[in-house]
Every structure is written in structure tokens, then in C-alpha cells.
N, C-alpha and C. Protein backbone atom coordinates (compact mmCIF):
# COMPACT_ATOMS: atom_id res chain seq x y z
N MET A 1 42.94 -35.50 44.42
CA MET A 1 44.24 -35.83 44.88
C MET A 1 44.08 -36.34 46.19
N ASP A 2 44.90 -37.64 46.43
CA ASP A 2 44.96 -38.27 47.72
C ASP A 2 46.11 -37.42 48.60
N THR A 3 45.57 -37.28 49.81
CA THR A 3 46.66 -36.62 50.72
C THR A 3 47.69 -37.70 51.13
N PRO A 4 48.98 -37.44 50.89
CA PRO A 4 49.87 -38.48 51.30
C PRO A 4 49.88 -38.68 52.76
N ALA A 5 50.11 -40.14 53.01
CA ALA A 5 50.24 -40.51 54.65
C ALA A 5 51.64 -40.12 54.89
N PHE A 6 51.84 -39.73 56.17
CA PHE A 6 53.14 -39.30 56.60
C PHE A 6 53.07 -40.14 58.06
N PRO A 7 54.41 -40.84 58.39
CA PRO A 7 54.49 -41.50 59.65
C PRO A 7 54.21 -40.64 60.83
N GLU A 8 54.36 -39.19 60.69
CA GLU A 8 54.16 -38.49 61.75
C GLU A 8 53.53 -37.11 61.25
N ARG A 9 53.02 -36.25 62.16
CA ARG A 9 52.45 -35.07 61.37
C ARG A 9 53.67 -34.07 61.04
N PRO A 10 53.49 -33.82 59.63
CA PRO A 10 54.73 -32.73 59.26
C PRO A 10 54.54 -31.38 59.89
N ARG A 11 55.67 -30.83 60.17
CA ARG A 11 55.71 -29.66 60.65
C ARG A 11 55.48 -28.51 59.49
N ARG A 12 56.06 -28.83 58.29
CA ARG A 12 56.11 -27.96 57.32
C ARG A 12 55.96 -28.69 55.93
N VAL A 13 55.03 -28.09 54.97
CA VAL A 13 54.81 -28.76 53.74
C VAL A 13 54.99 -27.86 52.58
N ARG A 14 56.03 -28.11 51.64
CA ARG A 14 56.41 -27.11 50.65
C ARG A 14 55.86 -27.94 49.29
N ILE A 15 55.25 -27.13 48.29
CA ILE A 15 54.77 -27.93 47.18
C ILE A 15 55.01 -26.93 45.86
N ALA A 16 55.27 -27.68 44.97
CA ALA A 16 55.62 -27.24 43.56
C ALA A 16 54.26 -27.76 42.74
N CYS A 17 53.39 -26.96 42.38
CA CYS A 17 52.32 -27.31 41.79
C CYS A 17 52.09 -26.83 40.32
N VAL A 18 52.10 -27.79 39.51
CA VAL A 18 52.07 -27.25 38.13
C VAL A 18 50.68 -27.37 37.55
N ALA A 19 50.00 -28.39 37.81
CA ALA A 19 48.51 -28.51 37.50
C ALA A 19 47.71 -28.87 38.64
N GLY A 20 46.48 -28.22 38.66
CA GLY A 20 45.82 -28.69 39.82
C GLY A 20 45.30 -27.30 40.61
N ASP A 21 44.30 -27.46 41.44
CA ASP A 21 43.71 -26.49 42.32
C ASP A 21 44.44 -26.42 43.56
N SER A 22 45.44 -25.41 43.71
CA SER A 22 46.23 -25.10 44.75
C SER A 22 45.31 -24.99 46.16
N ARG A 23 44.21 -24.23 45.81
CA ARG A 23 43.44 -23.95 47.20
C ARG A 23 42.82 -25.22 47.63
N ALA A 24 42.31 -26.31 46.73
CA ALA A 24 41.92 -27.44 47.18
C ALA A 24 43.07 -28.22 48.00
N ILE A 25 44.30 -28.27 47.42
CA ILE A 25 45.44 -28.89 47.71
C ILE A 25 45.64 -28.37 49.31
N ALA A 26 45.71 -27.09 49.32
CA ALA A 26 46.09 -26.57 50.78
C ALA A 26 44.84 -26.83 51.75
N GLU A 27 43.66 -27.00 51.23
CA GLU A 27 42.57 -27.27 52.26
C GLU A 27 42.74 -28.77 52.66
N ARG A 28 43.09 -29.69 51.91
CA ARG A 28 43.37 -31.07 52.11
C ARG A 28 44.39 -31.11 53.29
N PHE A 29 45.52 -30.54 53.12
CA PHE A 29 46.74 -30.70 53.96
C PHE A 29 46.35 -29.93 55.31
N GLU A 30 45.51 -28.79 55.21
CA GLU A 30 45.24 -28.40 56.58
C GLU A 30 44.22 -29.12 57.29
N GLY A 31 43.23 -29.72 56.67
CA GLY A 31 42.24 -30.58 57.25
C GLY A 31 43.02 -31.90 57.71
N ALA A 32 43.94 -32.40 57.08
CA ALA A 32 44.59 -33.68 57.37
C ALA A 32 45.60 -33.43 58.44
N TYR A 33 46.18 -32.35 58.39
CA TYR A 33 47.44 -32.25 59.16
C TYR A 33 47.50 -31.14 60.11
N GLY A 34 46.59 -30.01 59.86
CA GLY A 34 46.63 -28.66 60.55
C GLY A 34 47.89 -27.87 60.07
N VAL A 35 48.38 -28.09 58.65
CA VAL A 35 49.67 -27.40 58.38
C VAL A 35 49.14 -26.68 57.14
N ARG A 36 49.39 -25.36 56.88
CA ARG A 36 49.15 -24.72 55.78
C ARG A 36 50.36 -24.75 54.72
N PRO A 37 50.15 -25.44 53.63
CA PRO A 37 51.19 -25.67 52.68
C PRO A 37 51.93 -24.38 52.08
N GLU A 38 53.10 -24.32 51.89
CA GLU A 38 53.76 -23.09 51.07
C GLU A 38 53.84 -23.70 49.71
N PHE A 39 53.35 -22.88 48.76
CA PHE A 39 53.56 -23.15 47.15
C PHE A 39 54.61 -22.16 46.49
N ALA A 40 55.55 -22.91 45.94
CA ALA A 40 56.58 -22.18 45.12
C ALA A 40 55.97 -21.75 44.06
N GLU A 41 56.57 -20.59 43.57
CA GLU A 41 55.96 -19.80 42.25
C GLU A 41 57.25 -19.47 41.28
N ALA A 42 56.90 -19.38 40.18
CA ALA A 42 57.92 -18.91 39.13
C ALA A 42 58.16 -17.44 39.38
N THR A 43 59.34 -16.91 39.51
CA THR A 43 59.65 -15.45 39.72
C THR A 43 60.62 -15.00 38.80
N PRO A 44 60.79 -13.70 38.70
CA PRO A 44 61.65 -12.99 37.81
C PRO A 44 63.21 -13.38 38.14
N GLU A 45 63.31 -13.62 39.40
CA GLU A 45 64.98 -13.97 39.98
C GLU A 45 64.75 -14.86 41.00
N LEU A 46 65.77 -15.81 41.15
CA LEU A 46 66.03 -16.71 42.29
C LEU A 46 67.48 -17.25 42.18
N ALA A 47 67.92 -17.08 43.50
CA ALA A 47 69.14 -17.83 43.75
C ALA A 47 70.29 -17.70 42.62
N GLY A 48 70.34 -16.22 42.22
CA GLY A 48 71.32 -16.00 41.18
C GLY A 48 70.90 -16.18 39.61
N VAL A 49 69.70 -16.66 39.60
CA VAL A 49 69.11 -16.87 38.09
C VAL A 49 68.01 -15.89 37.74
N THR A 50 68.20 -15.37 36.55
CA THR A 50 67.20 -14.35 36.01
C THR A 50 66.38 -15.17 35.01
N SER A 51 65.03 -15.15 35.24
CA SER A 51 64.11 -15.69 34.18
C SER A 51 64.18 -15.08 32.85
N GLY A 52 64.20 -15.90 31.80
CA GLY A 52 64.17 -15.44 30.47
C GLY A 52 62.81 -15.31 29.75
N TYR A 53 61.79 -15.47 30.48
CA TYR A 53 60.29 -15.39 30.00
C TYR A 53 59.88 -14.04 29.99
N ASP A 54 59.15 -13.63 28.89
CA ASP A 54 58.65 -12.49 28.81
C ASP A 54 57.67 -12.07 29.94
N GLU A 55 56.96 -13.14 30.43
CA GLU A 55 56.04 -13.08 31.61
C GLU A 55 56.71 -14.09 32.56
N PRO A 56 57.51 -13.82 33.45
CA PRO A 56 58.23 -14.84 34.22
C PRO A 56 57.31 -15.79 35.21
N THR A 57 56.02 -15.23 35.41
CA THR A 57 55.23 -15.99 36.36
C THR A 57 54.50 -17.22 35.50
N ARG A 58 54.65 -16.99 34.12
CA ARG A 58 53.88 -18.13 33.36
C ARG A 58 54.71 -19.14 32.89
N LEU A 59 56.03 -19.08 33.41
CA LEU A 59 56.91 -20.22 33.31
C LEU A 59 56.53 -21.23 34.29
N GLY A 60 56.45 -22.50 33.70
CA GLY A 60 56.02 -23.80 34.70
C GLY A 60 56.94 -23.76 35.80
N VAL A 61 56.42 -23.86 36.99
CA VAL A 61 57.44 -23.75 38.36
C VAL A 61 58.16 -24.85 38.29
N ASP A 62 57.80 -25.99 37.77
CA ASP A 62 58.68 -27.26 37.85
C ASP A 62 59.89 -26.95 36.82
N ARG A 63 59.76 -26.31 35.75
CA ARG A 63 60.93 -26.03 34.92
C ARG A 63 61.92 -24.91 35.50
N TRP A 64 61.06 -24.01 36.05
CA TRP A 64 61.90 -22.93 36.87
C TRP A 64 62.83 -23.33 37.90
N LEU A 65 62.15 -24.19 38.72
CA LEU A 65 63.09 -24.87 40.02
C LEU A 65 64.01 -25.53 39.50
N ALA A 66 63.94 -26.40 38.42
CA ALA A 66 64.81 -27.37 37.82
C ALA A 66 66.15 -26.70 37.45
N LEU A 67 65.79 -25.43 36.54
CA LEU A 67 66.94 -24.87 35.96
C LEU A 67 67.76 -24.10 37.03
N VAL A 68 67.00 -23.47 37.93
CA VAL A 68 67.64 -22.83 39.20
C VAL A 68 68.62 -23.84 39.85
N ALA A 69 67.87 -24.84 40.32
CA ALA A 69 68.81 -25.89 40.81
C ALA A 69 69.97 -26.29 40.19
N ALA A 70 69.81 -26.46 38.65
CA ALA A 70 70.94 -27.14 37.98
C ALA A 70 72.07 -25.94 37.80
N TRP A 71 71.62 -24.65 37.74
CA TRP A 71 72.75 -23.67 37.53
C TRP A 71 73.42 -23.37 38.82
N ASN A 72 72.68 -23.63 39.98
CA ASN A 72 73.24 -23.56 41.35
C ASN A 72 74.25 -24.81 41.68
N ALA A 73 73.94 -25.72 41.13
CA ALA A 73 74.96 -27.00 41.13
C ALA A 73 76.06 -26.89 40.37
N ALA A 74 76.00 -26.18 39.24
CA ALA A 74 77.10 -26.25 38.25
C ALA A 74 77.91 -24.85 38.31
N ARG A 75 77.10 -23.86 38.45
CA ARG A 75 77.77 -22.54 38.51
C ARG A 75 78.38 -22.21 37.16
N ARG A 76 77.96 -22.60 36.08
CA ARG A 76 78.37 -22.58 34.78
C ARG A 76 77.27 -22.65 33.79
N ALA A 77 77.29 -22.52 32.48
CA ALA A 77 76.16 -22.64 31.55
C ALA A 77 75.69 -23.95 31.58
N VAL A 78 74.32 -23.92 31.69
CA VAL A 78 73.68 -25.36 31.67
C VAL A 78 72.55 -25.58 30.83
N VAL A 79 72.26 -26.68 30.45
CA VAL A 79 71.05 -27.02 29.70
C VAL A 79 70.24 -28.09 30.57
N VAL A 80 69.15 -27.86 30.86
CA VAL A 80 68.17 -28.90 31.71
C VAL A 80 67.13 -29.51 30.71
N VAL A 81 67.24 -30.79 30.52
CA VAL A 81 66.44 -31.50 29.64
C VAL A 81 65.52 -32.33 30.56
N ASP A 82 64.33 -32.14 30.66
CA ASP A 82 63.27 -32.87 31.47
C ASP A 82 62.50 -33.61 30.40
N LEU A 83 62.64 -35.07 30.69
CA LEU A 83 61.94 -35.96 29.83
C LEU A 83 60.94 -36.73 30.32
N GLY A 84 59.65 -36.11 30.25
CA GLY A 84 58.47 -36.65 30.89
C GLY A 84 57.40 -36.88 29.84
N THR A 85 56.27 -36.70 30.26
CA THR A 85 55.08 -36.57 29.14
C THR A 85 55.57 -35.71 28.11
N ALA A 86 55.90 -34.51 28.37
CA ALA A 86 56.39 -33.49 27.41
C ALA A 86 58.04 -33.49 27.75
N ALA A 87 58.91 -33.23 26.70
CA ALA A 87 60.17 -33.02 26.80
C ALA A 87 60.55 -31.46 26.84
N THR A 88 61.23 -30.91 27.82
CA THR A 88 61.35 -29.56 27.99
C THR A 88 62.98 -29.28 27.87
N LEU A 89 63.40 -28.35 27.42
CA LEU A 89 64.87 -27.94 27.23
C LEU A 89 64.85 -26.49 27.82
N ASP A 90 65.66 -26.17 28.63
CA ASP A 90 65.97 -24.48 29.15
C ASP A 90 67.34 -24.49 29.31
N PHE A 91 67.91 -23.30 28.98
CA PHE A 91 69.10 -22.84 28.78
C PHE A 91 69.56 -21.78 29.63
N VAL A 92 70.65 -21.89 30.47
CA VAL A 92 71.03 -20.72 31.17
C VAL A 92 72.49 -20.43 30.93
N THR A 93 72.68 -19.29 30.91
CA THR A 93 74.21 -18.75 30.68
C THR A 93 75.04 -18.95 31.89
N ALA A 94 76.46 -18.86 31.75
CA ALA A 94 77.24 -18.99 32.82
C ALA A 94 76.94 -17.87 33.95
N ASP A 95 76.44 -16.73 33.65
CA ASP A 95 76.16 -15.60 34.57
C ASP A 95 74.76 -15.80 35.10
N GLY A 96 74.09 -16.77 34.85
CA GLY A 96 72.68 -17.02 35.44
C GLY A 96 71.62 -16.43 34.61
N ARG A 97 71.67 -16.22 33.35
CA ARG A 97 70.69 -15.70 32.64
C ARG A 97 69.87 -16.75 31.80
N HIS A 98 68.68 -17.02 32.20
CA HIS A 98 67.86 -18.00 31.48
C HIS A 98 67.47 -17.47 30.09
N GLN A 99 67.83 -18.30 29.08
CA GLN A 99 67.60 -17.85 27.80
C GLN A 99 66.24 -18.30 27.10
N GLY A 100 65.32 -18.94 28.04
CA GLY A 100 64.08 -19.55 27.47
C GLY A 100 64.28 -20.92 27.24
N GLY A 101 63.39 -21.68 26.57
CA GLY A 101 63.54 -23.04 26.22
C GLY A 101 62.64 -23.60 25.21
N PHE A 102 62.48 -24.86 25.10
CA PHE A 102 61.65 -25.57 24.23
C PHE A 102 60.74 -26.44 25.00
N ILE A 103 59.58 -26.76 24.37
CA ILE A 103 58.56 -27.70 24.96
C ILE A 103 58.17 -28.62 23.59
N VAL A 104 58.60 -29.85 23.72
CA VAL A 104 58.21 -30.73 22.55
C VAL A 104 57.51 -32.02 23.21
N PRO A 105 56.81 -32.84 22.40
CA PRO A 105 56.24 -34.10 22.88
C PRO A 105 57.22 -34.93 23.38
N GLY A 106 57.08 -35.79 24.63
CA GLY A 106 57.95 -36.78 24.87
C GLY A 106 57.82 -37.88 24.18
N LEU A 107 58.57 -39.05 24.45
CA LEU A 107 58.59 -40.32 23.74
C LEU A 107 57.12 -40.90 23.81
N GLY A 108 56.45 -41.05 25.02
CA GLY A 108 55.20 -41.69 25.10
C GLY A 108 53.99 -40.83 24.46
N LEU A 109 54.18 -39.54 24.59
CA LEU A 109 53.28 -38.66 23.83
C LEU A 109 53.33 -38.79 22.36
N MET A 110 54.58 -38.91 21.69
CA MET A 110 54.70 -39.00 20.31
C MET A 110 54.07 -40.40 19.80
N ALA A 111 54.16 -41.27 20.46
CA ALA A 111 53.61 -42.77 20.11
C ALA A 111 52.13 -42.47 20.27
N ALA A 112 51.60 -42.02 21.32
CA ALA A 112 50.21 -41.78 21.48
C ALA A 112 49.48 -40.99 20.47
N ALA A 113 50.23 -39.94 20.02
CA ALA A 113 49.70 -39.15 18.90
C ALA A 113 49.57 -39.85 17.60
N LEU A 114 50.46 -40.61 17.40
CA LEU A 114 50.46 -41.54 16.01
C LEU A 114 49.47 -42.37 16.24
N ALA A 115 49.08 -43.00 17.34
CA ALA A 115 48.13 -43.87 17.74
C ALA A 115 46.73 -43.38 17.36
N ARG A 116 46.48 -42.12 17.97
CA ARG A 116 45.18 -41.35 17.98
C ARG A 116 45.05 -40.72 16.58
N ASP A 117 46.00 -40.26 15.89
CA ASP A 117 45.59 -39.52 14.61
C ASP A 117 46.13 -40.21 13.26
N THR A 118 46.51 -41.59 13.46
CA THR A 118 46.77 -42.19 12.19
C THR A 118 46.01 -43.47 12.17
N ALA A 119 45.81 -44.09 11.03
CA ALA A 119 45.26 -45.26 10.99
C ALA A 119 46.35 -46.49 10.97
N GLY A 120 46.10 -47.47 12.00
CA GLY A 120 46.70 -48.59 11.96
C GLY A 120 48.23 -48.53 12.66
N VAL A 121 48.45 -47.29 13.12
CA VAL A 121 49.73 -47.31 13.94
C VAL A 121 49.46 -47.26 15.55
N ARG A 122 49.38 -48.57 16.07
CA ARG A 122 49.21 -48.89 17.60
C ARG A 122 50.61 -49.49 18.04
N VAL A 123 50.81 -48.67 19.18
CA VAL A 123 52.25 -48.99 19.65
C VAL A 123 51.86 -49.20 21.26
N ALA A 124 52.30 -50.38 21.82
CA ALA A 124 52.27 -50.42 23.27
C ALA A 124 53.54 -51.00 23.75
N GLY A 125 53.64 -50.90 25.03
CA GLY A 125 54.98 -51.36 25.66
C GLY A 125 56.02 -50.27 25.92
N ASP A 126 57.21 -50.74 26.38
CA ASP A 126 58.38 -49.82 26.37
C ASP A 126 58.85 -49.21 25.14
N LEU A 127 59.54 -48.03 25.32
CA LEU A 127 60.18 -47.40 24.29
C LEU A 127 61.46 -47.87 24.23
N ALA A 128 62.14 -48.45 23.38
CA ALA A 128 63.36 -49.10 23.41
C ALA A 128 64.57 -47.90 22.68
N PRO A 129 65.64 -47.84 23.36
CA PRO A 129 66.53 -46.85 22.72
C PRO A 129 67.35 -47.20 21.45
N ASP A 130 67.04 -48.49 20.87
CA ASP A 130 67.78 -48.86 19.87
C ASP A 130 67.41 -47.99 18.64
N LEU A 131 68.36 -47.56 17.80
CA LEU A 131 68.20 -46.48 16.73
C LEU A 131 68.23 -47.11 15.45
N GLY A 132 68.32 -48.41 15.28
CA GLY A 132 68.33 -49.01 13.82
C GLY A 132 66.94 -48.86 13.33
N PRO A 133 66.80 -48.85 11.97
CA PRO A 133 65.51 -48.76 11.36
C PRO A 133 64.63 -49.98 11.75
N GLY A 134 63.21 -49.60 12.11
CA GLY A 134 62.43 -50.77 12.67
C GLY A 134 61.97 -51.51 11.49
N ARG A 135 61.86 -52.84 11.75
CA ARG A 135 61.46 -53.85 10.84
C ARG A 135 59.94 -53.99 11.14
N ASN A 136 59.33 -53.39 12.02
CA ASN A 136 57.82 -53.62 12.13
C ASN A 136 57.45 -52.20 12.59
N THR A 137 55.99 -52.08 12.67
CA THR A 137 55.40 -50.73 12.87
C THR A 137 55.78 -50.38 14.41
N ALA A 138 55.92 -51.20 15.36
CA ALA A 138 56.05 -50.90 16.69
C ALA A 138 57.67 -50.38 16.78
N GLN A 139 58.53 -51.06 16.07
CA GLN A 139 59.95 -50.70 16.20
C GLN A 139 60.10 -49.37 15.45
N ALA A 140 59.39 -49.39 14.42
CA ALA A 140 59.59 -47.92 13.56
C ALA A 140 59.25 -46.77 14.42
N VAL A 141 58.05 -46.74 15.11
CA VAL A 141 57.51 -45.84 15.99
C VAL A 141 58.55 -45.56 17.19
N ARG A 142 59.01 -46.57 17.85
CA ARG A 142 59.65 -46.50 19.04
C ARG A 142 61.04 -45.74 18.75
N ARG A 143 61.70 -46.32 17.78
CA ARG A 143 63.15 -45.97 17.22
C ARG A 143 63.18 -44.64 16.71
N GLY A 144 62.16 -44.37 15.69
CA GLY A 144 61.81 -43.29 15.25
C GLY A 144 61.75 -42.07 16.09
N SER A 145 60.94 -42.41 17.13
CA SER A 145 60.52 -41.32 18.13
C SER A 145 62.00 -40.97 18.97
N THR A 146 62.53 -41.96 19.24
CA THR A 146 63.74 -41.98 20.09
C THR A 146 64.91 -41.06 19.50
N ALA A 147 65.13 -41.58 18.15
CA ALA A 147 66.07 -40.68 17.31
C ALA A 147 65.69 -39.36 16.93
N MET A 148 64.40 -39.08 16.88
CA MET A 148 63.91 -37.60 16.63
C MET A 148 64.24 -36.86 17.98
N LEU A 149 64.02 -37.27 19.03
CA LEU A 149 64.34 -36.57 20.32
C LEU A 149 65.67 -36.53 20.41
N LEU A 150 66.46 -37.47 20.38
CA LEU A 150 67.92 -37.41 20.75
C LEU A 150 68.54 -36.29 19.70
N ASP A 151 68.14 -36.37 18.28
CA ASP A 151 68.58 -35.43 17.35
C ASP A 151 68.18 -34.01 17.80
N PHE A 152 67.12 -33.81 18.29
CA PHE A 152 66.67 -32.52 18.75
C PHE A 152 67.38 -31.92 19.76
N ILE A 153 67.71 -32.87 20.83
CA ILE A 153 68.53 -32.46 22.20
C ILE A 153 70.02 -32.30 21.73
N GLU A 154 70.56 -32.85 20.76
CA GLU A 154 71.90 -32.73 20.22
C GLU A 154 71.99 -31.38 19.64
N ALA A 155 71.03 -31.26 18.60
CA ALA A 155 71.13 -29.93 17.90
C ALA A 155 70.96 -28.72 18.78
N SER A 156 69.97 -28.77 19.74
CA SER A 156 69.61 -27.69 20.34
C SER A 156 70.99 -27.33 21.54
N VAL A 157 71.41 -28.43 22.08
CA VAL A 157 72.69 -28.12 23.02
C VAL A 157 73.79 -27.61 22.19
N GLY A 158 73.94 -28.06 20.82
CA GLY A 158 74.98 -27.67 20.20
C GLY A 158 74.99 -26.13 19.78
N ARG A 159 73.62 -25.86 19.37
CA ARG A 159 73.44 -24.28 19.10
C ARG A 159 73.72 -23.47 20.21
N PHE A 160 73.20 -23.88 21.45
CA PHE A 160 73.53 -23.01 22.60
C PHE A 160 74.99 -22.89 22.83
N ALA A 161 75.69 -24.10 22.91
CA ALA A 161 77.11 -24.08 23.09
C ALA A 161 77.84 -22.93 22.09
N ASP A 162 77.44 -23.02 20.95
CA ASP A 162 77.89 -21.93 19.87
C ASP A 162 77.62 -20.57 20.36
N THR A 163 76.53 -20.09 20.81
CA THR A 163 76.11 -18.95 21.26
C THR A 163 76.86 -18.52 22.65
N CYS A 164 77.11 -19.49 23.50
CA CYS A 164 77.54 -18.88 24.76
C CYS A 164 79.14 -19.15 24.78
N GLY A 165 79.62 -19.88 23.72
CA GLY A 165 81.08 -19.94 23.69
C GLY A 165 81.77 -20.94 24.55
N ASP A 166 80.84 -21.81 25.05
CA ASP A 166 81.52 -22.88 25.97
C ASP A 166 80.67 -23.98 25.95
N ALA A 167 80.98 -25.35 26.37
CA ALA A 167 80.22 -26.41 26.25
C ALA A 167 79.43 -26.42 27.63
N PRO A 168 78.25 -26.34 27.66
CA PRO A 168 77.31 -26.33 28.74
C PRO A 168 77.34 -27.72 29.60
N GLU A 169 76.96 -27.65 30.70
CA GLU A 169 76.84 -28.88 31.45
C GLU A 169 75.24 -29.19 31.29
N VAL A 170 75.02 -30.44 30.92
CA VAL A 170 73.66 -30.86 30.58
C VAL A 170 73.02 -31.77 31.59
N PHE A 171 71.98 -31.36 32.03
CA PHE A 171 71.29 -32.10 33.13
C PHE A 171 70.02 -32.70 32.44
N LEU A 172 69.77 -34.10 32.92
CA LEU A 172 68.70 -34.75 32.28
C LEU A 172 68.04 -35.03 33.70
N THR A 173 66.54 -34.96 33.59
CA THR A 173 65.74 -35.28 34.65
C THR A 173 64.54 -35.85 34.00
N GLY A 174 63.65 -36.37 34.73
CA GLY A 174 62.12 -36.87 34.23
C GLY A 174 62.38 -38.47 34.06
N GLY A 175 61.10 -39.16 33.75
CA GLY A 175 61.03 -40.39 33.71
C GLY A 175 61.99 -41.03 32.62
N ASP A 176 62.22 -40.58 31.43
CA ASP A 176 63.06 -41.17 30.33
C ASP A 176 64.32 -40.71 30.46
N ALA A 177 64.92 -40.20 31.36
CA ALA A 177 66.27 -39.42 31.41
C ALA A 177 67.24 -40.68 31.45
N GLU A 178 67.14 -41.71 32.14
CA GLU A 178 68.07 -42.90 32.10
C GLU A 178 67.98 -43.45 30.69
N LEU A 179 66.77 -43.62 30.08
CA LEU A 179 66.54 -44.28 28.69
C LEU A 179 67.71 -43.50 27.80
N LEU A 180 67.78 -42.17 27.70
CA LEU A 180 68.40 -41.32 26.73
C LEU A 180 69.65 -41.02 27.04
N ALA A 181 70.06 -41.08 28.38
CA ALA A 181 71.30 -40.44 28.76
C ALA A 181 72.35 -41.14 28.25
N GLY A 182 72.57 -42.50 27.92
CA GLY A 182 73.64 -43.18 27.23
C GLY A 182 73.83 -42.95 25.82
N ARG A 183 72.77 -42.35 25.04
CA ARG A 183 72.66 -42.35 23.64
C ARG A 183 73.11 -40.93 23.23
N LEU A 184 73.37 -40.11 24.14
CA LEU A 184 73.77 -38.66 23.56
C LEU A 184 75.37 -38.71 23.55
N SER A 185 75.84 -37.84 22.64
CA SER A 185 77.27 -37.81 22.24
C SER A 185 78.18 -37.05 23.30
N PHE A 186 77.40 -36.39 24.28
CA PHE A 186 78.27 -35.70 25.25
C PHE A 186 77.72 -36.33 26.69
N GLY A 187 78.56 -35.92 27.75
CA GLY A 187 78.33 -36.39 29.06
C GLY A 187 77.19 -35.63 29.59
N VAL A 188 76.37 -36.38 30.46
CA VAL A 188 75.32 -35.57 30.99
C VAL A 188 75.38 -35.90 32.47
N ARG A 189 74.48 -35.23 33.31
CA ARG A 189 74.14 -35.55 34.70
C ARG A 189 72.80 -35.88 34.84
N VAL A 190 72.37 -37.13 35.30
CA VAL A 190 71.20 -37.54 35.46
C VAL A 190 70.74 -37.18 36.95
N GLU A 191 69.86 -36.16 37.12
CA GLU A 191 69.32 -35.82 38.40
C GLU A 191 67.85 -35.82 38.60
N PRO A 192 67.44 -36.92 39.12
CA PRO A 192 66.10 -37.19 39.25
C PRO A 192 65.35 -36.12 40.17
N ASP A 193 66.05 -35.51 41.13
CA ASP A 193 65.50 -34.63 41.94
C ASP A 193 65.62 -33.06 41.79
N LEU A 194 65.83 -32.76 40.60
CA LEU A 194 66.12 -31.28 40.38
C LEU A 194 64.94 -30.35 40.83
N VAL A 195 63.85 -30.62 40.59
CA VAL A 195 62.64 -29.94 41.08
C VAL A 195 62.59 -29.70 42.65
N LEU A 196 62.78 -30.83 43.29
CA LEU A 196 63.06 -30.82 44.70
C LEU A 196 64.13 -29.93 45.15
N ASP A 197 65.16 -30.11 44.52
CA ASP A 197 66.33 -29.26 44.90
C ASP A 197 66.09 -27.79 44.78
N GLY A 198 65.42 -27.49 43.53
CA GLY A 198 65.10 -26.11 43.32
C GLY A 198 64.04 -25.72 44.45
N LEU A 199 63.15 -26.55 44.78
CA LEU A 199 62.26 -26.07 45.87
C LEU A 199 62.68 -25.82 47.04
N ALA A 200 63.89 -26.47 47.50
CA ALA A 200 64.71 -26.09 48.61
C ALA A 200 65.16 -24.79 48.57
N LEU A 201 65.67 -24.29 47.45
CA LEU A 201 66.23 -23.02 47.26
C LEU A 201 65.12 -21.83 47.17
N ALA A 202 63.85 -22.12 46.70
CA ALA A 202 62.68 -21.25 46.65
C ALA A 202 62.25 -21.01 48.07
N LEU A 203 62.05 -22.24 48.63
CA LEU A 203 61.34 -22.09 50.02
C LEU A 203 62.30 -22.70 51.19
N PRO A 204 63.36 -22.05 51.30
CA PRO A 204 64.46 -22.68 52.33
C PRO A 204 63.84 -22.98 53.75
């Protein structure tokens, strides 16, 4: 990992690290700037939110920070949908109880899996949100993957709304958030910096 360049020496460094050697990262920052980084961790409780994982520390810290930030922003039932390499959904009730979540392949990963594990299905380029049936293989993969992920999000949010008795506020974040935001049947908040907002709550 390259140490980021700053215009001046930082006085404080806060990090949410999902993958990688935190010790090596810390050594790089200390060597470059003389600052010991602080690392956020997934915890049983933070800022009014209680983790729903059986082992709270095993929840990805990025998911944890995002769902804590979303609940604190809305103060009502929320669903956090992170649309990156993997797509994750996390559910929090109005009183701050995390109900757990789902992890499924993101749009790019679905296309990559088809390319890797099937014969003759090779797709490159952007994933378009058009949901009409594809008239060639590339369209069929892109549109089918998009439709499948949208339907999964719609169904999951609907089931959660039924259990909590209210329409939750839905937050979208991650690289494909803008692509899918306008295709859902309910309103959403696109918040690209949810993890950073949660980091500010975890390490104020």
C-alpha cells in the first residue's frame, strides 16, 4: 500500500481497515509522518446502535460504521445498501438494533463469475441499468444482473418493512449506488461517505 501524500504533516490519522495488515499500515504512517494511526473496530455497541452479529467483532468494520452513521442520520429504521464489489444490505430498527444483513455478489462480480465459470460468456464495459431483455450476450448479462440485484433489494427492504411495521429509510453507498438509485420503487438517500461519517462517530 502506498502511503498517501498530504500537503502538510497530519496531526491525527483514523483508519477503517477491512483487508490488509494493519500493523504494516501503522508502520508506514509512523515512518512517513511520525503519527500512530487509530484503527476503528466493529464493536457490540456504538452511538446508540447495538450489533446484531453473534460475534460483533467479526462484522466488517466498513459495514458497521456505515450502518451506525445511517441510523444516527435518520434516527428511525434504516436499511444500508453498499453496492461495491460485493453488495451488502444491513437492517437497523428504529430503536437502534441491528438485525444482521446479507452479502451477495455486486454487479461486476456477477459478470466476472459468468465469464470465469461458463463457456462463451464474456462481458466487458459498463453495466447499464436498462432492464429490457438483452438481445445479445453482453446485454443479457448486464441487464439480468442489474434486474436480479434490484429485485433482491426490493424484496429485502419490503420484508424488513413488514417486520418493523414502518417504511425504513434506505441509504445507498458504494460505486454502483448512483447506477441503481433511480431504478428502485422507493426513495433512497445516496450517501457516498457513510463509512467516513461512521468513522467520525467511532473515533471522534
